[in-house]
Structures are given as C-alpha cells and as structure tokens.
Amino acid sequence: MPPRCSPTSAGRRSRYVRPGLRERHVGAPAHSNAIRAAEDAGHDIRDHRAVKVNHRMLDWADAVLAMDHAVLAELQTMTDGTPAAGKLDLYISGEDVPDPWESDYPAYLLCVDTIQAGAVRHLLDLEN
C-alpha cells in the first residue's frame, strides 16, 4: 500500500488538499500565483482546496510533513502523547520552505523549485 499523504490523494491525481492549522483559508483554492507556478512546473492544482488538520487526518497519515518550524511546533503540540507524534517531520530536514503568500510571482516559482527539490528525499524513502 502506498504511503498516505492526504485524504484525497490516494488513487486520484487531480484532487489536491493542503491541510493547514488555521481556518481562515479552509475551502479556498490555491493562490492564483501558486496555480500558475505549479502549472509552469507541470502540476495542475486548480482543484486544490485548503482543509484544516484534525486528529483523524494525523492518525490516518503514514507521515506528516511540515513546511516550516512554526507549523511543526503546532503539530507537535496537537500530537503530544499520541502515536501521531512520531510521524512528524520537516519537509526539508532542518530548513523552512519559504511561504510566498501574497508575494510576487517569482517567489512562488522559488517555492515550487524548493518543494520539487525536497521531494527527492521523500521519494527515496518510498523506495526503501
């Protein structure tokens, strides 16, 4: 069975969900610059919708990857004393992925490049 990344990723490539910790963007699509930068890199995230992380998701996931130390700290607080605590890690070991929200388009391109470069680590984990 492949590792589970999000409640809608298994078996479907056209639906993306970005679990977050805050409710202000729940149900909202990706930022227009994110959609454009992802398309330029060959990814279609137009159907992406933000959802709020909950304990059910954390229990279900094989791994929970945080994009930065602040989110990792919030997830550690949420999972303290639960089996999900051992599933947490930074997406890029020891580093934050810069959040380009409301930045100009080049910042989104840099973010896509950073995420794609960091994916190699996780793809190698899947092979082992």
N, C-alpha and C. Protein backbone atom coordinates (compact mmCIF):
# COMPACT_ATOMS: atom_id res chain seq x y z
N MET A 1 0.85 -1.18 0.00
CA MET A 1 0.00 0.00 0.00
C MET A 1 0.89 1.24 0.00
N PRO A 2 0.62 2.23 -0.85
CA PRO A 2 1.44 3.44 -0.86
C PRO A 2 1.20 4.27 0.39
N PRO A 3 2.22 5.02 0.83
CA PRO A 3 2.00 5.90 1.98
C PRO A 3 0.89 6.90 1.69
N ARG A 4 0.16 7.25 2.72
CA ARG A 4 -0.95 8.17 2.56
C ARG A 4 -0.48 9.59 2.84
N CYS A 5 -0.79 10.50 1.94
CA CYS A 5 -0.35 11.88 2.07
C CYS A 5 -1.47 12.82 2.46
N SER A 6 -2.63 12.59 1.92
CA SER A 6 -3.78 13.43 2.26
C SER A 6 -5.02 12.60 2.01
N PRO A 7 -6.14 12.97 2.63
CA PRO A 7 -7.35 12.17 2.48
C PRO A 7 -7.83 12.01 1.05
N THR A 8 -7.40 12.86 0.14
CA THR A 8 -7.90 12.73 -1.22
C THR A 8 -6.81 12.34 -2.22
N SER A 9 -5.60 12.08 -1.77
CA SER A 9 -4.54 11.83 -2.73
C SER A 9 -4.50 10.40 -3.23
N ALA A 10 -4.90 9.45 -2.44
CA ALA A 10 -4.77 8.04 -2.81
C ALA A 10 -5.62 7.73 -4.04
N GLY A 11 -4.94 7.33 -5.11
CA GLY A 11 -5.65 6.91 -6.30
C GLY A 11 -6.19 8.02 -7.17
N ARG A 12 -6.04 9.26 -6.77
CA ARG A 12 -6.54 10.37 -7.58
C ARG A 12 -5.45 11.42 -7.72
N ARG A 13 -5.14 11.80 -8.93
CA ARG A 13 -4.09 12.77 -9.15
C ARG A 13 -4.64 14.18 -9.37
N SER A 14 -5.92 14.30 -9.63
CA SER A 14 -6.47 15.61 -9.98
C SER A 14 -6.97 16.39 -8.77
N ARG A 15 -6.99 15.80 -7.62
CA ARG A 15 -7.52 16.48 -6.44
C ARG A 15 -6.40 16.66 -5.42
N TYR A 16 -6.15 17.88 -5.00
CA TYR A 16 -5.11 18.17 -4.03
C TYR A 16 -5.75 18.80 -2.80
N VAL A 17 -5.26 18.42 -1.65
CA VAL A 17 -5.72 19.01 -0.40
C VAL A 17 -4.50 19.43 0.37
N ARG A 18 -4.47 20.64 0.83
CA ARG A 18 -3.37 21.13 1.65
C ARG A 18 -3.89 21.34 3.05
N PRO A 19 -3.70 20.35 3.91
CA PRO A 19 -4.14 20.54 5.28
C PRO A 19 -3.36 21.66 5.94
N GLY A 20 -4.06 22.50 6.65
CA GLY A 20 -3.44 23.60 7.38
C GLY A 20 -3.91 23.61 8.82
N LEU A 21 -3.37 24.51 9.59
CA LEU A 21 -3.70 24.58 11.00
C LEU A 21 -4.66 25.71 11.33
N ARG A 22 -4.87 26.61 10.41
CA ARG A 22 -5.75 27.74 10.64
C ARG A 22 -6.98 27.63 9.75
N GLU A 23 -8.05 28.26 10.19
CA GLU A 23 -9.31 28.13 9.46
C GLU A 23 -9.55 29.20 8.42
N ARG A 24 -8.74 30.24 8.37
CA ARG A 24 -9.07 31.37 7.50
C ARG A 24 -9.11 31.04 6.02
N HIS A 25 -8.42 29.98 5.58
CA HIS A 25 -8.42 29.64 4.16
C HIS A 25 -9.16 28.34 3.86
N VAL A 26 -9.80 27.75 4.84
CA VAL A 26 -10.49 26.47 4.65
C VAL A 26 -11.50 26.60 3.52
N GLY A 27 -11.42 25.67 2.58
CA GLY A 27 -12.32 25.66 1.44
C GLY A 27 -11.87 26.51 0.27
N ALA A 28 -10.85 27.31 0.49
CA ALA A 28 -10.38 28.22 -0.56
C ALA A 28 -9.42 27.51 -1.51
N PRO A 29 -9.40 27.95 -2.76
CA PRO A 29 -8.44 27.39 -3.71
C PRO A 29 -7.04 27.93 -3.43
N ALA A 30 -6.07 27.37 -4.13
CA ALA A 30 -4.70 27.87 -4.05
C ALA A 30 -4.66 29.30 -4.59
N HIS A 31 -3.69 30.06 -4.14
CA HIS A 31 -3.46 31.42 -4.63
C HIS A 31 -3.22 31.36 -6.14
N SER A 32 -3.66 32.36 -6.86
CA SER A 32 -3.52 32.36 -8.32
C SER A 32 -2.05 32.25 -8.75
N ASN A 33 -1.13 32.85 -8.00
CA ASN A 33 0.29 32.72 -8.34
C ASN A 33 0.78 31.29 -8.10
N ALA A 34 0.24 30.61 -7.09
CA ALA A 34 0.61 29.22 -6.84
C ALA A 34 0.12 28.33 -7.98
N ILE A 35 -1.09 28.56 -8.42
CA ILE A 35 -1.64 27.77 -9.53
C ILE A 35 -0.78 27.96 -10.78
N ARG A 36 -0.44 29.19 -11.07
CA ARG A 36 0.37 29.50 -12.25
C ARG A 36 1.77 28.89 -12.15
N ALA A 37 2.42 29.03 -10.98
CA ALA A 37 3.77 28.48 -10.81
C ALA A 37 3.75 26.96 -10.89
N ALA A 38 2.73 26.34 -10.31
CA ALA A 38 2.61 24.88 -10.38
C ALA A 38 2.40 24.44 -11.82
N GLU A 39 1.55 25.15 -12.56
CA GLU A 39 1.33 24.80 -13.97
C GLU A 39 2.61 24.93 -14.78
N ASP A 40 3.40 25.96 -14.49
CA ASP A 40 4.68 26.13 -15.19
C ASP A 40 5.63 24.97 -14.91
N ALA A 41 5.44 24.31 -13.78
CA ALA A 41 6.28 23.16 -13.42
C ALA A 41 5.62 21.83 -13.80
N GLY A 42 4.46 21.90 -14.46
CA GLY A 42 3.80 20.68 -14.93
C GLY A 42 2.80 20.07 -13.96
N HIS A 43 2.35 20.84 -12.98
CA HIS A 43 1.39 20.34 -11.99
C HIS A 43 0.08 21.13 -12.08
N ASP A 44 -1.03 20.44 -12.01
CA ASP A 44 -2.34 21.08 -12.06
C ASP A 44 -2.94 21.07 -10.66
N ILE A 45 -2.98 22.22 -10.01
CA ILE A 45 -3.54 22.30 -8.65
C ILE A 45 -4.80 23.17 -8.62
N ARG A 46 -5.44 23.32 -9.78
CA ARG A 46 -6.64 24.15 -9.82
C ARG A 46 -7.76 23.62 -8.93
N ASP A 47 -7.82 22.31 -8.71
CA ASP A 47 -8.86 21.73 -7.87
C ASP A 47 -8.48 21.68 -6.39
N HIS A 48 -7.31 22.16 -6.06
CA HIS A 48 -6.84 22.19 -4.68
C HIS A 48 -7.79 23.00 -3.79
N ARG A 49 -8.05 22.50 -2.61
CA ARG A 49 -8.83 23.23 -1.60
C ARG A 49 -8.16 23.03 -0.26
N ALA A 50 -8.07 24.08 0.51
CA ALA A 50 -7.47 24.01 1.84
C ALA A 50 -8.45 23.38 2.82
N VAL A 51 -7.93 22.55 3.70
CA VAL A 51 -8.70 21.97 4.80
C VAL A 51 -7.90 22.16 6.08
N LYS A 52 -8.56 22.09 7.20
CA LYS A 52 -7.88 22.22 8.49
C LYS A 52 -7.47 20.84 8.99
N VAL A 53 -6.22 20.75 9.45
CA VAL A 53 -5.72 19.49 10.01
C VAL A 53 -6.52 19.12 11.24
N ASN A 54 -6.84 17.83 11.34
CA ASN A 54 -7.51 17.34 12.54
C ASN A 54 -6.86 16.04 12.99
N HIS A 55 -7.23 15.56 14.15
CA HIS A 55 -6.60 14.35 14.70
C HIS A 55 -6.86 13.12 13.83
N ARG A 56 -8.00 13.05 13.20
CA ARG A 56 -8.30 11.91 12.33
C ARG A 56 -7.29 11.84 11.19
N MET A 57 -7.00 12.98 10.57
CA MET A 57 -6.01 13.03 9.49
C MET A 57 -4.63 12.60 9.99
N LEU A 58 -4.27 13.10 11.16
CA LEU A 58 -2.95 12.79 11.70
C LEU A 58 -2.83 11.30 12.03
N ASP A 59 -3.90 10.71 12.54
CA ASP A 59 -3.89 9.27 12.82
C ASP A 59 -3.80 8.46 11.53
N TRP A 60 -4.50 8.92 10.50
CA TRP A 60 -4.58 8.21 9.23
C TRP A 60 -3.27 8.23 8.45
N ALA A 61 -2.55 9.34 8.51
CA ALA A 61 -1.35 9.53 7.69
C ALA A 61 -0.21 8.63 8.14
N ASP A 62 0.59 8.18 7.18
CA ASP A 62 1.81 7.44 7.48
C ASP A 62 2.94 8.40 7.86
N ALA A 63 2.91 9.60 7.32
CA ALA A 63 3.90 10.63 7.61
C ALA A 63 3.21 11.99 7.53
N VAL A 64 3.65 12.91 8.37
CA VAL A 64 3.10 14.26 8.37
C VAL A 64 4.28 15.20 8.22
N LEU A 65 4.31 15.91 7.10
CA LEU A 65 5.44 16.78 6.78
C LEU A 65 5.04 18.24 6.91
N ALA A 66 5.77 18.97 7.73
CA ALA A 66 5.52 20.39 7.94
C ALA A 66 6.46 21.19 7.05
N MET A 67 5.96 22.27 6.51
CA MET A 67 6.77 23.09 5.61
C MET A 67 7.71 24.03 6.37
N ASP A 68 7.43 24.28 7.66
CA ASP A 68 8.34 25.13 8.42
C ASP A 68 8.29 24.77 9.91
N HIS A 69 9.24 25.34 10.63
CA HIS A 69 9.37 25.03 12.06
C HIS A 69 8.15 25.47 12.87
N ALA A 70 7.53 26.58 12.49
CA ALA A 70 6.36 27.06 13.22
C ALA A 70 5.20 26.08 13.12
N VAL A 71 4.95 25.57 11.92
CA VAL A 71 3.88 24.59 11.73
C VAL A 71 4.24 23.29 12.43
N LEU A 72 5.50 22.88 12.35
CA LEU A 72 5.93 21.67 13.04
C LEU A 72 5.67 21.78 14.54
N ALA A 73 5.97 22.94 15.12
CA ALA A 73 5.73 23.14 16.56
C ALA A 73 4.24 23.03 16.90
N GLU A 74 3.39 23.59 16.05
CA GLU A 74 1.94 23.49 16.28
C GLU A 74 1.47 22.04 16.18
N LEU A 75 2.00 21.32 15.20
CA LEU A 75 1.64 19.91 15.05
C LEU A 75 2.14 19.09 16.24
N GLN A 76 3.32 19.41 16.74
CA GLN A 76 3.85 18.70 17.90
C GLN A 76 2.96 18.92 19.12
N THR A 77 2.44 20.13 19.27
CA THR A 77 1.51 20.41 20.37
C THR A 77 0.23 19.60 20.20
N MET A 78 -0.28 19.55 18.97
CA MET A 78 -1.52 18.79 18.70
C MET A 78 -1.36 17.30 18.97
N THR A 79 -0.18 16.77 18.70
CA THR A 79 0.00 15.32 18.75
C THR A 79 0.72 14.85 20.00
N ASP A 80 1.04 15.75 20.91
CA ASP A 80 1.79 15.39 22.12
C ASP A 80 1.13 14.21 22.84
N GLY A 81 1.90 13.16 23.06
CA GLY A 81 1.40 12.00 23.78
C GLY A 81 0.59 11.03 22.94
N THR A 82 0.53 11.25 21.62
CA THR A 82 -0.23 10.36 20.74
C THR A 82 0.74 9.65 19.78
N PRO A 83 0.31 8.54 19.18
CA PRO A 83 1.18 7.87 18.21
C PRO A 83 1.53 8.75 17.00
N ALA A 84 0.69 9.71 16.68
CA ALA A 84 0.94 10.58 15.54
C ALA A 84 2.19 11.44 15.74
N ALA A 85 2.60 11.66 16.98
CA ALA A 85 3.77 12.49 17.25
C ALA A 85 5.01 11.96 16.55
N GLY A 86 5.13 10.65 16.43
CA GLY A 86 6.28 10.04 15.78
C GLY A 86 6.26 10.12 14.27
N LYS A 87 5.19 10.62 13.69
CA LYS A 87 5.05 10.73 12.23
C LYS A 87 5.48 12.10 11.71
N LEU A 88 5.77 13.03 12.61
CA LEU A 88 6.04 14.41 12.23
C LEU A 88 7.48 14.63 11.80
N ASP A 89 7.66 15.47 10.79
CA ASP A 89 9.00 15.83 10.33
C ASP A 89 8.87 17.09 9.49
N LEU A 90 10.00 17.76 9.30
CA LEU A 90 10.03 18.89 8.38
C LEU A 90 10.14 18.35 6.96
N TYR A 91 9.53 19.03 6.03
CA TYR A 91 9.59 18.63 4.62
C TYR A 91 11.04 18.59 4.14
N ILE A 92 11.79 19.64 4.47
CA ILE A 92 13.22 19.69 4.18
C ILE A 92 13.93 19.69 5.54
N SER A 93 14.70 18.66 5.79
CA SER A 93 15.32 18.47 7.09
C SER A 93 16.08 19.73 7.54
N GLY A 94 15.67 20.27 8.68
CA GLY A 94 16.35 21.41 9.28
C GLY A 94 16.06 22.76 8.66
N GLU A 95 15.26 22.81 7.61
CA GLU A 95 15.01 24.07 6.90
C GLU A 95 13.52 24.35 6.77
N ASP A 96 13.20 25.62 6.64
CA ASP A 96 11.84 26.05 6.34
C ASP A 96 11.68 26.22 4.83
N VAL A 97 10.52 25.84 4.31
CA VAL A 97 10.17 26.19 2.94
C VAL A 97 9.52 27.57 3.04
N PRO A 98 10.07 28.57 2.36
CA PRO A 98 9.50 29.92 2.48
C PRO A 98 8.05 29.95 1.99
N ASP A 99 7.20 30.63 2.75
CA ASP A 99 5.80 30.77 2.38
C ASP A 99 5.67 32.02 1.50
N PRO A 100 5.31 31.85 0.23
CA PRO A 100 5.26 33.01 -0.66
C PRO A 100 3.95 33.78 -0.62
N TRP A 101 3.04 33.43 0.29
CA TRP A 101 1.71 34.02 0.29
C TRP A 101 1.77 35.53 0.11
N GLU A 102 1.01 36.01 -0.87
CA GLU A 102 0.89 37.43 -1.23
C GLU A 102 2.21 38.06 -1.68
N SER A 103 3.18 37.21 -2.06
CA SER A 103 4.41 37.72 -2.66
C SER A 103 4.22 37.77 -4.17
N ASP A 104 5.24 38.26 -4.86
CA ASP A 104 5.15 38.31 -6.31
C ASP A 104 5.40 36.93 -6.91
N TYR A 105 5.12 36.81 -8.19
CA TYR A 105 5.18 35.52 -8.87
C TYR A 105 6.55 34.82 -8.73
N PRO A 106 7.67 35.52 -8.86
CA PRO A 106 8.97 34.84 -8.72
C PRO A 106 9.13 34.12 -7.37
N ALA A 107 8.53 34.63 -6.32
CA ALA A 107 8.60 33.96 -5.01
C ALA A 107 7.89 32.61 -5.06
N TYR A 108 6.81 32.53 -5.80
CA TYR A 108 6.09 31.26 -5.96
C TYR A 108 6.90 30.28 -6.79
N LEU A 109 7.59 30.78 -7.82
CA LEU A 109 8.45 29.90 -8.61
C LEU A 109 9.56 29.32 -7.75
N LEU A 110 10.15 30.14 -6.90
CA LEU A 110 11.20 29.68 -5.99
C LEU A 110 10.65 28.62 -5.04
N CYS A 111 9.45 28.83 -4.55
CA CYS A 111 8.82 27.87 -3.65
C CYS A 111 8.59 26.53 -4.36
N VAL A 112 8.09 26.56 -5.59
CA VAL A 112 7.88 25.33 -6.36
C VAL A 112 9.21 24.60 -6.54
N ASP A 113 10.26 25.35 -6.89
CA ASP A 113 11.57 24.73 -7.07
C ASP A 113 12.06 24.08 -5.78
N THR A 114 11.86 24.77 -4.65
CA THR A 114 12.28 24.24 -3.34
C THR A 114 11.51 22.97 -3.00
N ILE A 115 10.22 22.98 -3.23
CA ILE A 115 9.38 21.81 -2.93
C ILE A 115 9.77 20.63 -3.82
N GLN A 116 9.98 20.90 -5.11
CA GLN A 116 10.36 19.81 -6.01
C GLN A 116 11.72 19.23 -5.63
N ALA A 117 12.68 20.08 -5.27
CA ALA A 117 14.00 19.60 -4.86
C ALA A 117 13.90 18.78 -3.58
N GLY A 118 13.05 19.20 -2.66
CA GLY A 118 12.87 18.48 -1.40
C GLY A 118 12.15 17.16 -1.55
N ALA A 119 11.38 17.02 -2.62
CA ALA A 119 10.60 15.79 -2.84
C ALA A 119 11.50 14.58 -3.02
N VAL A 120 12.70 14.78 -3.52
CA VAL A 120 13.62 13.67 -3.76
C VAL A 120 13.82 12.87 -2.47
N ARG A 121 13.97 13.55 -1.36
CA ARG A 121 14.16 12.89 -0.06
C ARG A 121 13.01 11.94 0.24
N HIS A 122 11.80 12.36 -0.02
CA HIS A 122 10.63 11.56 0.30
C HIS A 122 10.40 10.45 -0.72
N LEU A 123 10.73 10.70 -1.97
CA LEU A 123 10.61 9.65 -2.98
C LEU A 123 11.59 8.52 -2.70
N LEU A 124 12.78 8.87 -2.25
CA LEU A 124 13.75 7.83 -1.88
C LEU A 124 13.26 7.02 -0.69
N ASP A 125 12.59 7.68 0.27
CA ASP A 125 12.01 6.97 1.41
C ASP A 125 10.96 5.97 0.96
N LEU A 126 10.18 6.32 -0.07
CA LEU A 126 9.15 5.43 -0.57
C LEU A 126 9.73 4.18 -1.22
N GLU A 127 10.91 4.33 -1.83
CA GLU A 127 11.54 3.20 -2.49
C GLU A 127 12.10 2.19 -1.49
N ASN A 128 12.43 2.65 -0.30
CA ASN A 128 13.05 1.75 0.71
C ASN A 128 12.04 1.05 1.56
